[in-house]
Amino acid sequence: MKASKGTRTKTRQVLQKKPRARGLSPITKAFQIFESGEKVNIVIDPSVHKGMPFSRFHGLTGVVVGSRGAAYEVSVKDGNKTKTVVARPEHLVRNRL
């Protein structure tokens, strides 16, 4: 049988929470507000399926370019290309540096 090539293939460990962190995340993560030009880390929250970016971008740092509805457009370097990732605030964390 041919292997499935869905959007969450090869993410068994990547999109997995630690045992004590299982369940839904705090609702305040959904209410985060980011300004354009702000640096953010893309950390996919597997308990929230809506607005989830592709798994390739998990762990990358980018710059918020603008907003698109309830989500944000994040400009990310992928190799030599600059790509725009659309992700909801549940999957974004402010960069501390």
C-alpha atoms as a PDB file:
ATOM      1  CA  MET A   1       0.000   0.000   0.000  1.00  0.00           C
ATOM      2  CA  LYS A   2       1.249   3.459  -0.870  1.00  0.00           C
ATOM      3  CA  ALA A   3       2.280   5.654   2.072  1.00  0.00           C
ATOM      4  CA  SER A   4       0.034   8.592   2.881  1.00  0.00           C
ATOM      5  CA  LYS A   5       1.483  12.019   2.116  1.00  0.00           C
ATOM      6  CA  GLY A   6      -0.784  14.166   4.287  1.00  0.00           C
ATOM      7  CA  THR A   7       0.161  17.455   5.938  1.00  0.00           C
ATOM      8  CA  ARG A   8       1.189  15.758   9.198  1.00  0.00           C
ATOM      9  CA  THR A   9       3.400  12.955   7.840  1.00  0.00           C
ATOM     10  CA  LYS A  10       6.666  12.297   9.718  1.00  0.00           C
ATOM     11  CA  THR A  11       5.572  14.423  12.689  1.00  0.00           C
ATOM     12  CA  ARG A  12       5.175  11.692  15.323  1.00  0.00           C
ATOM     13  CA  GLN A  13       7.806  13.227  17.619  1.00  0.00           C
ATOM     14  CA  VAL A  14       7.756  16.797  16.308  1.00  0.00           C
ATOM     15  CA  LEU A  15       4.064  17.412  17.025  1.00  0.00           C
ATOM     16  CA  GLN A  16       3.957  15.670  20.399  1.00  0.00           C
ATOM     17  CA  LYS A  17       3.553  17.228  23.814  1.00  0.00           C
ATOM     18  CA  LYS A  18       5.327  16.120  26.960  1.00  0.00           C
ATOM     19  CA  PRO A  19       3.095  13.991  29.255  1.00  0.00           C
ATOM     20  CA  ARG A  20       2.520  16.780  31.808  1.00  0.00           C
ATOM     21  CA  ALA A  21       1.744  19.356  29.134  1.00  0.00           C
ATOM     22  CA  ARG A  22      -0.983  17.275  27.457  1.00  0.00           C
ATOM     23  CA  GLY A  23      -4.423  18.715  26.802  1.00  0.00           C
ATOM     24  CA  LEU A  24      -5.530  22.126  25.621  1.00  0.00           C
ATOM     25  CA  SER A  25      -3.263  25.146  25.987  1.00  0.00           C
ATOM     26  CA  PRO A  26      -4.299  28.263  27.940  1.00  0.00           C
ATOM     27  CA  ILE A  27      -6.817  30.402  26.083  1.00  0.00           C
ATOM     28  CA  THR A  28      -4.594  33.472  26.544  1.00  0.00           C
ATOM     29  CA  LYS A  29      -2.262  32.126  23.823  1.00  0.00           C
ATOM     30  CA  ALA A  30      -5.059  32.730  21.312  1.00  0.00           C
ATOM     31  CA  PHE A  31      -5.370  36.389  22.383  1.00  0.00           C
ATOM     32  CA  GLN A  32      -1.712  37.325  21.795  1.00  0.00           C
ATOM     33  CA  ILE A  33      -1.219  40.441  19.680  1.00  0.00           C
ATOM     34  CA  PHE A  34       1.844  40.898  17.479  1.00  0.00           C
ATOM     35  CA  GLU A  35       2.959  44.061  15.712  1.00  0.00           C
ATOM     36  CA  SER A  36       4.425  43.998  12.209  1.00  0.00           C
ATOM     37  CA  GLY A  37       8.225  43.927  12.328  1.00  0.00           C
ATOM     38  CA  GLU A  38       8.236  41.872  15.543  1.00  0.00           C
ATOM     39  CA  LYS A  39      10.419  38.727  15.689  1.00  0.00           C
ATOM     40  CA  VAL A  40       8.559  35.510  16.523  1.00  0.00           C
ATOM     41  CA  ASN A  41       9.390  31.820  16.861  1.00  0.00           C
ATOM     42  CA  ILE A  42       7.082  29.322  15.190  1.00  0.00           C
ATOM     43  CA  VAL A  43       6.304  26.639  17.763  1.00  0.00           C
ATOM     44  CA  ILE A  44       3.399  24.478  16.580  1.00  0.00           C
ATOM     45  CA  ASP A  45       0.847  23.635  19.275  1.00  0.00           C
ATOM     46  CA  PRO A  46      -0.527  20.200  18.305  1.00  0.00           C
ATOM     47  CA  SER A  47      -3.649  20.602  20.472  1.00  0.00           C
ATOM     48  CA  VAL A  48      -4.873  23.465  18.236  1.00  0.00           C
ATOM     49  CA  HIS A  49      -5.465  22.293  14.675  1.00  0.00           C
ATOM     50  CA  LYS A  50      -6.797  25.574  13.285  1.00  0.00           C
ATOM     51  CA  GLY A  51      -4.222  27.898  11.733  1.00  0.00           C
ATOM     52  CA  MET A  52      -1.429  25.343  12.057  1.00  0.00           C
ATOM     53  CA  PRO A  53       1.563  26.062   9.779  1.00  0.00           C
ATOM     54  CA  PHE A  54       3.296  23.268   7.871  1.00  0.00           C
ATOM     55  CA  SER A  55       5.595  21.126  10.032  1.00  0.00           C
ATOM     56  CA  ARG A  56       8.725  22.194   8.097  1.00  0.00           C
ATOM     57  CA  PHE A  57       8.521  25.626   9.746  1.00  0.00           C
ATOM     58  CA  HIS A  58       8.356  24.300  13.341  1.00  0.00           C
ATOM     59  CA  GLY A  59      11.172  25.854  15.391  1.00  0.00           C
ATOM     60  CA  LEU A  60      12.079  28.577  12.887  1.00  0.00           C
ATOM     61  CA  THR A  61      12.279  32.297  13.640  1.00  0.00           C
ATOM     62  CA  GLY A  62      10.714  34.919  11.407  1.00  0.00           C
ATOM     63  CA  VAL A  63       9.400  38.462  11.256  1.00  0.00           C
ATOM     64  CA  VAL A  64       5.695  39.354  11.387  1.00  0.00           C
ATOM     65  CA  VAL A  65       4.845  41.031   8.080  1.00  0.00           C
ATOM     66  CA  GLY A  66       1.139  41.629   8.617  1.00  0.00           C
ATOM     67  CA  SER A  67      -2.121  40.023   9.639  1.00  0.00           C
ATOM     68  CA  ARG A  68      -4.596  37.961   7.672  1.00  0.00           C
ATOM     69  CA  GLY A  69      -7.903  37.648   9.486  1.00  0.00           C
ATOM     70  CA  ALA A  70      -7.221  36.113  12.909  1.00  0.00           C
ATOM     71  CA  ALA A  71      -3.788  34.873  11.731  1.00  0.00           C
ATOM     72  CA  TYR A  72      -0.433  36.537  11.114  1.00  0.00           C
ATOM     73  CA  GLU A  73       1.846  36.455   8.093  1.00  0.00           C
ATOM     74  CA  VAL A  74       5.399  35.589   9.127  1.00  0.00           C
ATOM     75  CA  SER A  75       8.348  35.987   6.762  1.00  0.00           C
ATOM     76  CA  VAL A  76      10.769  33.050   7.227  1.00  0.00           C
ATOM     77  CA  LYS A  77      14.095  32.147   5.604  1.00  0.00           C
ATOM     78  CA  ASP A  78      13.911  28.593   4.181  1.00  0.00           C
ATOM     79  CA  GLY A  79      17.358  27.893   2.759  1.00  0.00           C
ATOM     80  CA  ASN A  80      18.050  30.799   0.386  1.00  0.00           C
ATOM     81  CA  LYS A  81      14.367  31.595  -0.169  1.00  0.00           C
ATOM     82  CA  THR A  82      12.145  33.872   1.888  1.00  0.00           C
ATOM     83  CA  LYS A  83       8.730  32.342   2.456  1.00  0.00           C
ATOM     84  CA  THR A  84       5.542  33.692   3.997  1.00  0.00           C
ATOM     85  CA  VAL A  85       3.917  31.455   6.610  1.00  0.00           C
ATOM     86  CA  VAL A  86       0.347  32.106   7.721  1.00  0.00           C
ATOM     87  CA  ALA A  87      -0.151  31.013  11.340  1.00  0.00           C
ATOM     88  CA  ARG A  88      -2.549  31.788  14.141  1.00  0.00           C
ATOM     89  CA  PRO A  89      -1.152  33.271  17.389  1.00  0.00           C
ATOM     90  CA  GLU A  90      -1.423  29.921  19.240  1.00  0.00           C
ATOM     91  CA  HIS A  91       1.541  28.717  17.181  1.00  0.00           C
ATOM     92  CA  LEU A  92       3.696  31.835  17.644  1.00  0.00           C
ATOM     93  CA  VAL A  93       5.983  32.792  20.547  1.00  0.00           C
ATOM     94  CA  ARG A  94       7.760  36.138  20.965  1.00  0.00           C
ATOM     95  CA  ASN A  95      11.490  35.919  20.351  1.00  0.00           C
ATOM     96  CA  ARG A  96      13.352  36.762  23.574  1.00  0.00           C
ATOM     97  CA  LEU A  97      16.481  38.101  21.854  1.00  0.00           C
END
